[in-house]
Amino acid sequence: MTAPIIVVDDVHKRFGETRALDGVSLSVDQGTVLGLLGPNGAGKTTTVRVLATLLRPDSGSAAVAGFDVRRQADEVRSVIGLTGQYAAVDEKLTGHENLWMVGRLLGMSRADAHQRAEELLERFSLSDAGDRQVRTYSGGMRRRVDLAVSLVGRPRVLFLDEPTTGLDPASRLELWDIARELVADGTTVLLTTQYLEEADELADRIVVIDRGKVVAEGTADELKDQTRGRVLQVEVADRTRLDEAREVLARMAPPEDIHVDTSTRSVSVAVGTDTALAASAIAVLSSAGVEIADFTLERPSLDDVFLELTGSSADATTEDDR
């Protein structure tokens, strides 16, 4: 088994009286995507800035590709790429000029920087726009060239901090495809996002952070099972039998796990990970003569998990989210 390519151990960071990071520990395996989720001010962006050597932690340790972020900052920068919440390219330059300039700053020859710029323009479907000023690009095109800039140096680790903020659905799907391609090529990605379906779609593992502390971690399915698990929702054919349906189900589950919605003629019961309980509930209702019009077995969404873990919504994170 290979060692994780990102390791964070008991990292603390304060801004005055504010504890932005309060003992954060996490790890990321090479060639995987870690989704870092949390409400506004949870510490997501601070974590990324520490790992990208933009902030020094007050205590604890963090390493990327075996390099310590405090003692070996230059080495860390040589193996990472960073795409922030907003495009950081020069709008007065063309797409090609932005990429070529970064290549030169990284020490490439003029010819190598030109070749790398052409490669990335083609990869991100920007070849036709490469000679146009970035200020003429659409929002999706700007995000693509911004991501391309972060890949000029062929980083082993890529930090994506809210990469699809403000993009339309089609542009978001394009960036998702690009992220998958990068991971397939061996790049490791640490992703912070305000879109929970984005983490559900892309992340191999998820870490939920709140008030500077890690409050949960695991795969999306593991996190869903850690909360209320699956819920069986049964729609009865006769609204007048809703109370009877609830009484029948109360023989199988605690009352707090059963909920009635008169507007939809439905009664729901939390069954956790026990799908056999769901089947038994249907059978018991049928045996009791309660006619069932429809039923569904639903897993909680990541939004449900997020709300239960943090007590707040994940949307509308901001640039200075700590």
C-alpha atoms as a PDB file:
ATOM      1  CA  MET A   1       0.000   0.000   0.000  1.00  0.00           C
ATOM      2  CA  THR A   2       1.369   3.417  -0.982  1.00  0.00           C
ATOM      3  CA  ALA A   3       1.513   6.290   1.502  1.00  0.00           C
ATOM      4  CA  PRO A   4      -1.065   9.091   1.129  1.00  0.00           C
ATOM      5  CA  ILE A   5       0.131  11.963  -1.057  1.00  0.00           C
ATOM      6  CA  ILE A   6      -1.472  14.576   1.244  1.00  0.00           C
ATOM      7  CA  VAL A   7      -1.231  14.253   5.018  1.00  0.00           C
ATOM      8  CA  VAL A   8      -2.588  16.827   7.486  1.00  0.00           C
ATOM      9  CA  ASP A   9      -2.053  16.134  11.196  1.00  0.00           C
ATOM     10  CA  ASP A  10      -3.609  18.201  13.986  1.00  0.00           C
ATOM     11  CA  VAL A  11      -3.247  21.541  12.182  1.00  0.00           C
ATOM     12  CA  HIS A  12      -4.271  24.717  13.992  1.00  0.00           C
ATOM     13  CA  LYS A  13      -4.612  28.229  12.560  1.00  0.00           C
ATOM     14  CA  ARG A  14      -5.952  31.345  14.270  1.00  0.00           C
ATOM     15  CA  PHE A  15      -6.871  34.757  12.917  1.00  0.00           C
ATOM     16  CA  GLY A  16      -6.982  36.922  16.015  1.00  0.00           C
ATOM     17  CA  GLU A  17      -9.604  35.378  18.272  1.00  0.00           C
ATOM     18  CA  THR A  18     -11.003  33.213  15.478  1.00  0.00           C
ATOM     19  CA  ARG A  19      -9.967  29.571  15.337  1.00  0.00           C
ATOM     20  CA  ALA A  20     -10.039  28.924  11.601  1.00  0.00           C
ATOM     21  CA  LEU A  21      -8.517  25.455  11.985  1.00  0.00           C
ATOM     22  CA  ASP A  22      -8.827  23.666  15.305  1.00  0.00           C
ATOM     23  CA  GLY A  23      -6.928  20.405  15.015  1.00  0.00           C
ATOM     24  CA  VAL A  24      -7.701  19.366  11.432  1.00  0.00           C
ATOM     25  CA  SER A  25      -6.378  15.962  10.369  1.00  0.00           C
ATOM     26  CA  LEU A  26      -6.970  14.292   7.008  1.00  0.00           C
ATOM     27  CA  SER A  27      -5.201  12.338   4.290  1.00  0.00           C
ATOM     28  CA  VAL A  28      -5.634  11.850   0.547  1.00  0.00           C
ATOM     29  CA  ASP A  29      -4.496   8.834  -1.440  1.00  0.00           C
ATOM     30  CA  GLN A  30      -2.685   9.376  -4.718  1.00  0.00           C
ATOM     31  CA  GLY A  31      -4.867   9.453  -7.825  1.00  0.00           C
ATOM     32  CA  THR A  32      -8.101  10.079  -5.927  1.00  0.00           C
ATOM     33  CA  VAL A  33     -10.483  12.984  -5.285  1.00  0.00           C
ATOM     34  CA  LEU A  34     -11.119  14.211  -1.749  1.00  0.00           C
ATOM     35  CA  GLY A  35     -14.179  16.422  -1.364  1.00  0.00           C
ATOM     36  CA  LEU A  36     -13.811  18.965   1.435  1.00  0.00           C
ATOM     37  CA  LEU A  37     -17.228  20.195   2.531  1.00  0.00           C
ATOM     38  CA  GLY A  38     -18.322  22.634   5.191  1.00  0.00           C
ATOM     39  CA  PRO A  39     -20.539  25.678   5.817  1.00  0.00           C
ATOM     40  CA  ASN A  40     -19.371  29.263   5.475  1.00  0.00           C
ATOM     41  CA  GLY A  41     -16.378  29.906   7.705  1.00  0.00           C
ATOM     42  CA  ALA A  42     -15.778  26.210   8.383  1.00  0.00           C
ATOM     43  CA  GLY A  43     -12.099  26.294   7.416  1.00  0.00           C
ATOM     44  CA  LYS A  44     -12.132  24.780   3.918  1.00  0.00           C
ATOM     45  CA  THR A  45     -10.251  27.540   2.114  1.00  0.00           C
ATOM     46  CA  THR A  46      -7.842  27.969   5.026  1.00  0.00           C
ATOM     47  CA  THR A  47      -6.987  24.279   4.725  1.00  0.00           C
ATOM     48  CA  VAL A  48      -6.296  24.690   1.007  1.00  0.00           C
ATOM     49  CA  ARG A  49      -4.170  27.777   1.616  1.00  0.00           C
ATOM     50  CA  VAL A  50      -2.086  25.963   4.208  1.00  0.00           C
ATOM     51  CA  LEU A  51      -1.504  23.040   1.837  1.00  0.00           C
ATOM     52  CA  ALA A  52      -0.659  25.411  -1.013  1.00  0.00           C
ATOM     53  CA  THR A  53       1.909  27.188   1.236  1.00  0.00           C
ATOM     54  CA  LEU A  54      -0.062  30.448   1.113  1.00  0.00           C
ATOM     55  CA  LEU A  55      -0.570  30.336   4.903  1.00  0.00           C
ATOM     56  CA  ARG A  56       1.670  28.977   7.639  1.00  0.00           C
ATOM     57  CA  PRO A  57      -0.099  26.819  10.207  1.00  0.00           C
ATOM     58  CA  ASP A  58       0.326  27.821  13.841  1.00  0.00           C
ATOM     59  CA  SER A  59       0.911  24.221  14.896  1.00  0.00           C
ATOM     60  CA  GLY A  60       0.558  20.691  13.631  1.00  0.00           C
ATOM     61  CA  SER A  61       2.045  19.342  10.438  1.00  0.00           C
ATOM     62  CA  ALA A  62       1.064  19.072   6.780  1.00  0.00           C
ATOM     63  CA  ALA A  63       2.859  17.493   3.865  1.00  0.00           C
ATOM     64  CA  VAL A  64       2.221  17.224   0.127  1.00  0.00           C
ATOM     65  CA  ALA A  65       4.027  14.549  -1.881  1.00  0.00           C
ATOM     66  CA  GLY A  66       6.322  14.039   1.093  1.00  0.00           C
ATOM     67  CA  PHE A  67       7.301  17.722   1.361  1.00  0.00           C
ATOM     68  CA  ASP A  68       6.587  19.664   4.539  1.00  0.00           C
ATOM     69  CA  VAL A  69       4.528  22.788   3.808  1.00  0.00           C
ATOM     70  CA  ARG A  70       6.560  24.919   6.235  1.00  0.00           C
ATOM     71  CA  ARG A  71      10.120  23.659   5.767  1.00  0.00           C
ATOM     72  CA  GLN A  72       9.915  22.733   2.074  1.00  0.00           C
ATOM     73  CA  ALA A  73       7.526  25.276   0.604  1.00  0.00           C
ATOM     74  CA  ASP A  74       9.383  25.570  -2.716  1.00  0.00           C
ATOM     75  CA  GLU A  75       9.302  21.818  -3.221  1.00  0.00           C
ATOM     76  CA  VAL A  76       5.572  21.747  -2.421  1.00  0.00           C
ATOM     77  CA  ARG A  77       4.896  24.480  -4.983  1.00  0.00           C
ATOM     78  CA  SER A  78       6.756  22.494  -7.615  1.00  0.00           C
ATOM     79  CA  VAL A  79       4.249  19.609  -7.417  1.00  0.00           C
ATOM     80  CA  ILE A  80       0.917  21.412  -6.979  1.00  0.00           C
ATOM     81  CA  GLY A  81      -1.561  23.414  -9.010  1.00  0.00           C
ATOM     82  CA  LEU A  82      -4.288  25.676  -7.615  1.00  0.00           C
ATOM     83  CA  THR A  83      -7.516  26.927  -9.127  1.00  0.00           C
ATOM     84  CA  GLY A  84      -9.379  29.322  -6.843  1.00  0.00           C
ATOM     85  CA  GLN A  85     -12.980  30.422  -6.716  1.00  0.00           C
ATOM     86  CA  TYR A  86     -12.548  33.065  -9.401  1.00  0.00           C
ATOM     87  CA  ALA A  87     -10.513  33.094 -12.613  1.00  0.00           C
ATOM     88  CA  ALA A  88      -7.032  34.503 -11.955  1.00  0.00           C
ATOM     89  CA  VAL A  89      -5.878  34.950 -15.549  1.00  0.00           C
ATOM     90  CA  ASP A  90      -4.927  38.270 -17.175  1.00  0.00           C
ATOM     91  CA  GLU A  91      -7.918  39.362 -19.223  1.00  0.00           C
ATOM     92  CA  LYS A  92      -5.809  41.628 -21.453  1.00  0.00           C
ATOM     93  CA  LEU A  93      -3.718  38.690 -22.637  1.00  0.00           C
ATOM     94  CA  THR A  94      -4.859  35.969 -24.985  1.00  0.00           C
ATOM     95  CA  GLY A  95      -5.449  32.454 -23.743  1.00  0.00           C
ATOM     96  CA  HIS A  96      -2.198  31.342 -25.351  1.00  0.00           C
ATOM     97  CA  GLU A  97      -0.254  34.251 -23.844  1.00  0.00           C
ATOM     98  CA  ASN A  98      -1.524  33.438 -20.343  1.00  0.00           C
ATOM     99  CA  LEU A  99      -0.404  29.839 -20.637  1.00  0.00           C
ATOM    100  CA  TRP A 100       2.907  30.722 -22.296  1.00  0.00           C
ATOM    101  CA  MET A 101       3.687  33.302 -19.593  1.00  0.00           C
ATOM    102  CA  VAL A 102       3.129  30.787 -16.797  1.00  0.00           C
ATOM    103  CA  GLY A 103       5.311  28.277 -18.608  1.00  0.00           C
ATOM    104  CA  ARG A 104       8.129  30.820 -18.795  1.00  0.00           C
ATOM    105  CA  LEU A 105       7.700  31.705 -15.108  1.00  0.00           C
ATOM    106  CA  LEU A 106       8.092  28.007 -14.346  1.00  0.00           C
ATOM    107  CA  GLY A 107      11.426  27.990 -16.152  1.00  0.00           C
ATOM    108  CA  MET A 108      10.394  26.489 -19.490  1.00  0.00           C
ATOM    109  CA  SER A 109      12.143  27.535 -22.681  1.00  0.00           C
ATOM    110  CA  ARG A 110      10.184  29.676 -25.126  1.00  0.00           C
ATOM    111  CA  ALA A 111       9.627  26.665 -27.389  1.00  0.00           C
ATOM    112  CA  ASP A 112       8.553  24.361 -24.550  1.00  0.00           C
ATOM    113  CA  ALA A 113       6.199  26.993 -23.114  1.00  0.00           C
ATOM    114  CA  HIS A 114       4.641  27.469 -26.562  1.00  0.00           C
ATOM    115  CA  GLN A 115       4.203  23.717 -27.017  1.00  0.00           C
ATOM    116  CA  ARG A 116       2.661  23.276 -23.558  1.00  0.00           C
ATOM    117  CA  ALA A 117       0.260  26.170 -24.196  1.00  0.00           C
ATOM    118  CA  GLU A 118      -0.866  24.582 -27.462  1.00  0.00           C
ATOM    119  CA  GLU A 119      -1.350  21.203 -25.760  1.00  0.00           C
ATOM    120  CA  LEU A 120      -3.542  22.675 -23.044  1.00  0.00           C
ATOM    121  CA  LEU A 121      -5.578  24.838 -25.408  1.00  0.00           C
ATOM    122  CA  GLU A 122      -6.394  21.721 -27.407  1.00  0.00           C
ATOM    123  CA  ARG A 123      -7.147  19.635 -24.327  1.00  0.00           C
ATOM    124  CA  PHE A 124      -9.574  22.236 -23.002  1.00  0.00           C
ATOM    125  CA  SER A 125     -11.226  22.843 -26.413  1.00  0.00           C
ATOM    126  CA  LEU A 126      -9.852  26.389 -26.560  1.00  0.00           C
ATOM    127  CA  SER A 127      -7.637  26.153 -29.660  1.00  0.00           C
ATOM    128  CA  ASP A 128      -9.980  28.307 -31.739  1.00  0.00           C
ATOM    129  CA  ALA A 129      -9.996  30.987 -29.012  1.00  0.00           C
ATOM    130  CA  GLY A 130      -6.316  30.797 -28.124  1.00  0.00           C
ATOM    131  CA  ASP A 131      -5.427  34.028 -29.945  1.00  0.00           C
ATOM    132  CA  ARG A 132      -8.319  36.006 -28.476  1.00  0.00           C
ATOM    133  CA  GLN A 133      -8.071  38.157 -25.354  1.00  0.00           C
ATOM    134  CA  VAL A 134      -9.485  36.378 -22.323  1.00  0.00           C
ATOM    135  CA  ARG A 135     -11.863  39.292 -21.671  1.00  0.00           C
ATOM    136  CA  THR A 136     -13.821  38.109 -24.744  1.00  0.00           C
ATOM    137  CA  TYR A 137     -14.299  34.615 -23.276  1.00  0.00           C
ATOM    138  CA  SER A 138     -17.530  33.318 -21.764  1.00  0.00           C
ATOM    139  CA  GLY A 139     -17.587  32.400 -18.073  1.00  0.00           C
ATOM    140  CA  GLY A 140     -17.109  28.732 -18.842  1.00  0.00           C
ATOM    141  CA  MET A 141     -14.179  29.437 -21.160  1.00  0.00           C
ATOM    142  CA  ARG A 142     -12.494  31.593 -18.500  1.00  0.00           C
ATOM    143  CA  ARG A 143     -12.769  28.821 -15.948  1.00  0.00           C
ATOM    144  CA  ARG A 144     -11.314  26.344 -18.428  1.00  0.00           C
ATOM    145  CA  VAL A 145      -8.310  28.530 -19.223  1.00  0.00           C
ATOM    146  CA  ASP A 146      -7.857  29.197 -15.497  1.00  0.00           C
ATOM    147  CA  LEU A 147      -7.765  25.457 -14.855  1.00  0.00           C
ATOM    148  CA  ALA A 148      -5.406  25.018 -17.810  1.00  0.00           C
ATOM    149  CA  VAL A 149      -3.034  27.591 -16.266  1.00  0.00           C
ATOM    150  CA  SER A 150      -2.870  25.535 -13.064  1.00  0.00           C
ATOM    151  CA  LEU A 151      -1.816  22.494 -15.118  1.00  0.00           C
ATOM    152  CA  VAL A 152       1.042  24.067 -17.076  1.00  0.00           C
ATOM    153  CA  GLY A 153       3.612  22.565 -14.718  1.00  0.00           C
ATOM    154  CA  ARG A 154       2.008  19.104 -14.793  1.00  0.00           C
ATOM    155  CA  PRO A 155       1.222  19.085 -11.054  1.00  0.00           C
ATOM    156  CA  ARG A 156       0.897  15.840  -9.145  1.00  0.00           C
ATOM    157  CA  VAL A 157      -1.663  17.431  -6.822  1.00  0.00           C
ATOM    158  CA  LEU A 158      -4.394  19.869  -7.872  1.00  0.00           C
ATOM    159  CA  PHE A 159      -6.382  22.019  -5.448  1.00  0.00           C
ATOM    160  CA  LEU A 160      -9.780  23.006  -6.815  1.00  0.00           C
ATOM    161  CA  ASP A 161     -11.321  25.620  -4.518  1.00  0.00           C
ATOM    162  CA  GLU A 162     -14.944  26.149  -5.599  1.00  0.00           C
ATOM    163  CA  PRO A 163     -13.987  25.564  -9.274  1.00  0.00           C
ATOM    164  CA  THR A 164     -17.497  25.767 -10.733  1.00  0.00           C
ATOM    165  CA  THR A 165     -18.833  28.768  -8.804  1.00  0.00           C
ATOM    166  CA  GLY A 166     -21.067  30.844 -11.082  1.00  0.00           C
ATOM    167  CA  LEU A 167     -20.958  28.447 -14.020  1.00  0.00           C
ATOM    168  CA  ASP A 168     -24.010  27.307 -15.941  1.00  0.00           C
ATOM    169  CA  PRO A 169     -24.904  23.582 -15.749  1.00  0.00           C
ATOM    170  CA  ALA A 170     -23.317  22.748 -19.125  1.00  0.00           C
ATOM    171  CA  SER A 171     -19.999  24.364 -18.167  1.00  0.00           C
ATOM    172  CA  ARG A 172     -20.038  22.599 -14.809  1.00  0.00           C
ATOM    173  CA  LEU A 173     -20.457  19.238 -16.537  1.00  0.00           C
ATOM    174  CA  GLU A 174     -17.514  20.071 -18.821  1.00  0.00           C
ATOM    175  CA  LEU A 175     -15.268  20.752 -15.829  1.00  0.00           C
ATOM    176  CA  TRP A 176     -16.454  17.558 -14.153  1.00  0.00           C
ATOM    177  CA  ASP A 177     -15.342  15.599 -17.224  1.00  0.00           C
ATOM    178  CA  ILE A 178     -11.958  17.346 -17.172  1.00  0.00           C
ATOM    179  CA  ALA A 179     -11.504  16.530 -13.482  1.00  0.00           C
ATOM    180  CA  ARG A 180     -12.253  12.859 -14.156  1.00  0.00           C
ATOM    181  CA  GLU A 181      -9.690  12.812 -16.982  1.00  0.00           C
ATOM    182  CA  LEU A 182      -7.035  14.335 -14.730  1.00  0.00           C
ATOM    183  CA  VAL A 183      -7.620  11.738 -12.027  1.00  0.00           C
ATOM    184  CA  ALA A 184      -7.554   8.949 -14.623  1.00  0.00           C
ATOM    185  CA  ASP A 185      -4.091  10.258 -15.601  1.00  0.00           C
ATOM    186  CA  GLY A 186      -2.922   9.968 -11.977  1.00  0.00           C
ATOM    187  CA  THR A 187      -3.495  13.502 -10.666  1.00  0.00           C
ATOM    188  CA  THR A 188      -4.687  13.803  -7.075  1.00  0.00           C
ATOM    189  CA  VAL A 189      -7.460  16.354  -6.509  1.00  0.00           C
ATOM    190  CA  LEU A 190      -8.582  18.109  -3.335  1.00  0.00           C
ATOM    191  CA  LEU A 191     -11.942  19.686  -4.108  1.00  0.00           C
ATOM    192  CA  THR A 192     -13.894  22.227  -2.080  1.00  0.00           C
ATOM    193  CA  THR A 193     -17.346  22.918  -3.420  1.00  0.00           C
ATOM    194  CA  GLN A 194     -20.675  24.494  -2.560  1.00  0.00           C
ATOM    195  CA  TYR A 195     -22.470  21.999  -4.816  1.00  0.00           C
ATOM    196  CA  LEU A 196     -23.075  18.825  -2.856  1.00  0.00           C
ATOM    197  CA  GLU A 197     -24.006  16.870  -5.977  1.00  0.00           C
ATOM    198  CA  GLU A 198     -20.560  17.797  -7.293  1.00  0.00           C
ATOM    199  CA  ALA A 199     -18.889  16.088  -4.340  1.00  0.00           C
ATOM    200  CA  ASP A 200     -21.289  13.157  -4.669  1.00  0.00           C
ATOM    201  CA  GLU A 201     -20.367  12.846  -8.348  1.00  0.00           C
ATOM    202  CA  LEU A 202     -16.585  13.340  -8.199  1.00  0.00           C
ATOM    203  CA  ALA A 203     -15.215  12.573  -4.739  1.00  0.00           C
ATOM    204  CA  ASP A 204     -13.847   9.163  -3.786  1.00  0.00           C
ATOM    205  CA  ARG A 205     -13.934  10.269  -0.156  1.00  0.00           C
ATOM    206  CA  ILE A 206     -15.470  13.243   1.634  1.00  0.00           C
ATOM    207  CA  VAL A 207     -14.341  15.157   4.711  1.00  0.00           C
ATOM    208  CA  VAL A 208     -16.898  17.414   6.402  1.00  0.00           C
ATOM    209  CA  ILE A 209     -15.375  20.282   8.364  1.00  0.00           C
ATOM    210  CA  ASP A 210     -17.240  22.633  10.702  1.00  0.00           C
ATOM    211  CA  ARG A 211     -15.850  25.400  12.923  1.00  0.00           C
ATOM    212  CA  GLY A 212     -12.333  24.340  12.077  1.00  0.00           C
ATOM    213  CA  LYS A 213     -12.831  20.698  13.071  1.00  0.00           C
ATOM    214  CA  VAL A 214     -13.373  17.538  11.047  1.00  0.00           C
ATOM    215  CA  VAL A 215     -16.829  16.279  12.031  1.00  0.00           C
ATOM    216  CA  ALA A 216     -17.180  13.348   9.633  1.00  0.00           C
ATOM    217  CA  GLU A 217     -15.368  11.544   6.848  1.00  0.00           C
ATOM    218  CA  GLY A 218     -15.924   8.609   4.534  1.00  0.00           C
ATOM    219  CA  THR A 219     -17.381   7.827   1.146  1.00  0.00           C
ATOM    220  CA  ALA A 220     -20.645   9.492   0.177  1.00  0.00           C
ATOM    221  CA  ASP A 221     -22.513   6.240   0.865  1.00  0.00           C
ATOM    222  CA  GLU A 222     -20.824   5.799   4.253  1.00  0.00           C
ATOM    223  CA  LEU A 223     -21.781   9.325   5.301  1.00  0.00           C
ATOM    224  CA  LYS A 224     -25.359   8.783   4.223  1.00  0.00           C
ATOM    225  CA  ASP A 225     -25.521   5.578   6.246  1.00  0.00           C
ATOM    226  CA  GLN A 226     -24.027   7.312   9.296  1.00  0.00           C
ATOM    227  CA  THR A 227     -26.990   9.669   9.450  1.00  0.00           C
ATOM    228  CA  ARG A 228     -30.555   8.430   9.064  1.00  0.00           C
ATOM    229  CA  GLY A 229     -29.853   5.895   6.324  1.00  0.00           C
ATOM    230  CA  ARG A 230     -32.652   4.809   4.008  1.00  0.00           C
ATOM    231  CA  VAL A 231     -36.253   5.925   4.405  1.00  0.00           C
ATOM    232  CA  LEU A 232     -39.272   3.954   3.198  1.00  0.00           C
ATOM    233  CA  GLN A 233     -42.102   6.211   2.036  1.00  0.00           C
ATOM    234  CA  VAL A 234     -45.477   4.586   1.472  1.00  0.00           C
ATOM    235  CA  GLU A 235     -48.401   6.287  -0.242  1.00  0.00           C
ATOM    236  CA  VAL A 236     -51.719   4.792   0.854  1.00  0.00           C
ATOM    237  CA  ALA A 237     -54.670   4.599  -1.508  1.00  0.00           C
ATOM    238  CA  ASP A 238     -57.167   5.775   1.139  1.00  0.00           C
ATOM    239  CA  ARG A 239     -56.228   8.948   3.049  1.00  0.00           C
ATOM    240  CA  THR A 240     -58.474   7.949   5.956  1.00  0.00           C
ATOM    241  CA  ARG A 241     -56.203   4.979   6.676  1.00  0.00           C
ATOM    242  CA  LEU A 242     -53.048   7.036   7.275  1.00  0.00           C
ATOM    243  CA  ASP A 243     -53.351   6.782  11.058  1.00  0.00           C
ATOM    244  CA  GLU A 244     -53.871   3.045  10.796  1.00  0.00           C
ATOM    245  CA  ALA A 245     -50.748   2.754   8.617  1.00  0.00           C
ATOM    246  CA  ARG A 246     -48.766   4.672  11.218  1.00  0.00           C
ATOM    247  CA  GLU A 247     -50.018   2.411  14.015  1.00  0.00           C
ATOM    248  CA  VAL A 248     -49.052  -0.685  12.040  1.00  0.00           C
ATOM    249  CA  LEU A 249     -45.540   0.612  11.381  1.00  0.00           C
ATOM    250  CA  ALA A 250     -45.163   1.674  15.032  1.00  0.00           C
ATOM    251  CA  ARG A 251     -45.045  -2.024  15.907  1.00  0.00           C
ATOM    252  CA  MET A 252     -41.828  -2.284  13.892  1.00  0.00           C
ATOM    253  CA  ALA A 253     -40.003   0.993  14.509  1.00  0.00           C
ATOM    254  CA  PRO A 254     -39.732   3.706  17.177  1.00  0.00           C
ATOM    255  CA  PRO A 255     -42.401   6.432  16.885  1.00  0.00           C
ATOM    256  CA  GLU A 256     -39.748   9.115  16.250  1.00  0.00           C
ATOM    257  CA  ASP A 257     -38.724   7.252  13.081  1.00  0.00           C
ATOM    258  CA  ILE A 258     -42.232   7.450  11.613  1.00  0.00           C
ATOM    259  CA  HIS A 259     -43.666  10.528   9.910  1.00  0.00           C
ATOM    260  CA  VAL A 260     -47.031  11.182   8.279  1.00  0.00           C
ATOM    261  CA  ASP A 261     -47.617  13.634   5.421  1.00  0.00           C
ATOM    262  CA  THR A 262     -51.332  14.137   4.840  1.00  0.00           C
ATOM    263  CA  SER A 263     -50.758  16.269   1.734  1.00  0.00           C
ATOM    264  CA  THR A 264     -49.195  13.320  -0.097  1.00  0.00           C
ATOM    265  CA  ARG A 265     -51.186  10.561   1.672  1.00  0.00           C
ATOM    266  CA  SER A 266     -47.918   9.048   2.749  1.00  0.00           C
ATOM    267  CA  VAL A 267     -46.256   7.625   5.818  1.00  0.00           C
ATOM    268  CA  SER A 268     -42.501   7.232   6.025  1.00  0.00           C
ATOM    269  CA  VAL A 269     -40.284   5.167   8.291  1.00  0.00           C
ATOM    270  CA  ALA A 270     -36.513   5.270   8.731  1.00  0.00           C
ATOM    271  CA  VAL A 271     -35.076   1.803   8.058  1.00  0.00           C
ATOM    272  CA  GLY A 272     -31.357   2.663   8.179  1.00  0.00           C
ATOM    273  CA  THR A 273     -29.316   0.134   6.225  1.00  0.00           C
ATOM    274  CA  ASP A 274     -31.810  -2.691   6.856  1.00  0.00           C
ATOM    275  CA  THR A 275     -33.551  -3.198   3.509  1.00  0.00           C
ATOM    276  CA  ALA A 276     -35.210  -6.327   4.932  1.00  0.00           C
ATOM    277  CA  LEU A 277     -37.089  -4.057   7.349  1.00  0.00           C
ATOM    278  CA  ALA A 278     -38.467  -2.105   4.385  1.00  0.00           C
ATOM    279  CA  ALA A 279     -39.741  -5.309   2.765  1.00  0.00           C
ATOM    280  CA  SER A 280     -41.290  -6.406   6.058  1.00  0.00           C
ATOM    281  CA  ALA A 281     -43.042  -3.052   6.463  1.00  0.00           C
ATOM    282  CA  ILE A 282     -44.692  -3.390   3.057  1.00  0.00           C
ATOM    283  CA  ALA A 283     -45.758  -6.940   3.874  1.00  0.00           C
ATOM    284  CA  VAL A 284     -47.187  -5.975   7.271  1.00  0.00           C
ATOM    285  CA  LEU A 285     -49.217  -3.112   5.803  1.00  0.00           C
ATOM    286  CA  SER A 286     -50.604  -5.387   3.112  1.00  0.00           C
ATOM    287  CA  SER A 287     -51.495  -8.032   5.687  1.00  0.00           C
ATOM    288  CA  ALA A 288     -53.343  -5.385   7.687  1.00  0.00           C
ATOM    289  CA  GLY A 289     -55.441  -4.576   4.623  1.00  0.00           C
ATOM    290  CA  VAL A 290     -53.922  -1.128   4.045  1.00  0.00           C
ATOM    291  CA  GLU A 291     -53.949  -0.669   0.254  1.00  0.00           C
ATOM    292  CA  ILE A 292     -50.687   0.808  -1.025  1.00  0.00           C
ATOM    293  CA  ALA A 293     -50.811   3.140  -4.029  1.00  0.00           C
ATOM    294  CA  ASP A 294     -47.037   3.554  -4.309  1.00  0.00           C
ATOM    295  CA  PHE A 295     -43.831   3.289  -2.303  1.00  0.00           C
ATOM    296  CA  THR A 296     -40.194   4.374  -2.580  1.00  0.00           C
ATOM    297  CA  LEU A 297     -37.020   3.485  -0.717  1.00  0.00           C
ATOM    298  CA  GLU A 298     -34.833   6.580  -0.609  1.00  0.00           C
ATOM    299  CA  ARG A 299     -31.334   7.262   0.627  1.00  0.00           C
ATOM    300  CA  PRO A 300     -30.626  10.663   2.189  1.00  0.00           C
ATOM    301  CA  SER A 301     -28.898  13.150  -0.085  1.00  0.00           C
ATOM    302  CA  LEU A 302     -25.561  14.687   0.815  1.00  0.00           C
ATOM    303  CA  ASP A 303     -27.566  17.813   1.599  1.00  0.00           C
ATOM    304  CA  ASP A 304     -29.453  15.856   4.268  1.00  0.00           C
ATOM    305  CA  VAL A 305     -26.145  14.585   5.648  1.00  0.00           C
ATOM    306  CA  PHE A 306     -24.659  18.069   5.620  1.00  0.00           C
ATOM    307  CA  LEU A 307     -27.587  19.620   7.450  1.00  0.00           C
ATOM    308  CA  GLU A 308     -27.560  16.901  10.103  1.00  0.00           C
ATOM    309  CA  LEU A 309     -23.806  17.155  10.680  1.00  0.00           C
ATOM    310  CA  THR A 310     -23.440  20.934  10.673  1.00  0.00           C
ATOM    311  CA  GLY A 311     -26.916  22.315  11.223  1.00  0.00           C
ATOM    312  CA  SER A 312     -26.568  24.642   8.238  1.00  0.00           C
ATOM    313  CA  SER A 313     -26.715  24.696   4.462  1.00  0.00           C
ATOM    314  CA  ALA A 314     -23.660  24.294   2.255  1.00  0.00           C
ATOM    315  CA  ASP A 315     -24.642  26.840  -0.372  1.00  0.00           C
ATOM    316  CA  ALA A 316     -23.351  30.374  -0.916  1.00  0.00           C
ATOM    317  CA  THR A 317     -19.791  29.945   0.262  1.00  0.00           C
ATOM    318  CA  THR A 318     -17.627  32.997  -0.265  1.00  0.00           C
ATOM    319  CA  GLU A 319     -14.108  33.865  -1.318  1.00  0.00           C
ATOM    320  CA  ASP A 320     -12.966  34.609   2.206  1.00  0.00           C
ATOM    321  CA  ASP A 321     -14.541  31.444   3.555  1.00  0.00           C
ATOM    322  CA  ARG A 322     -12.175  30.360   6.284  1.00  0.00           C
END
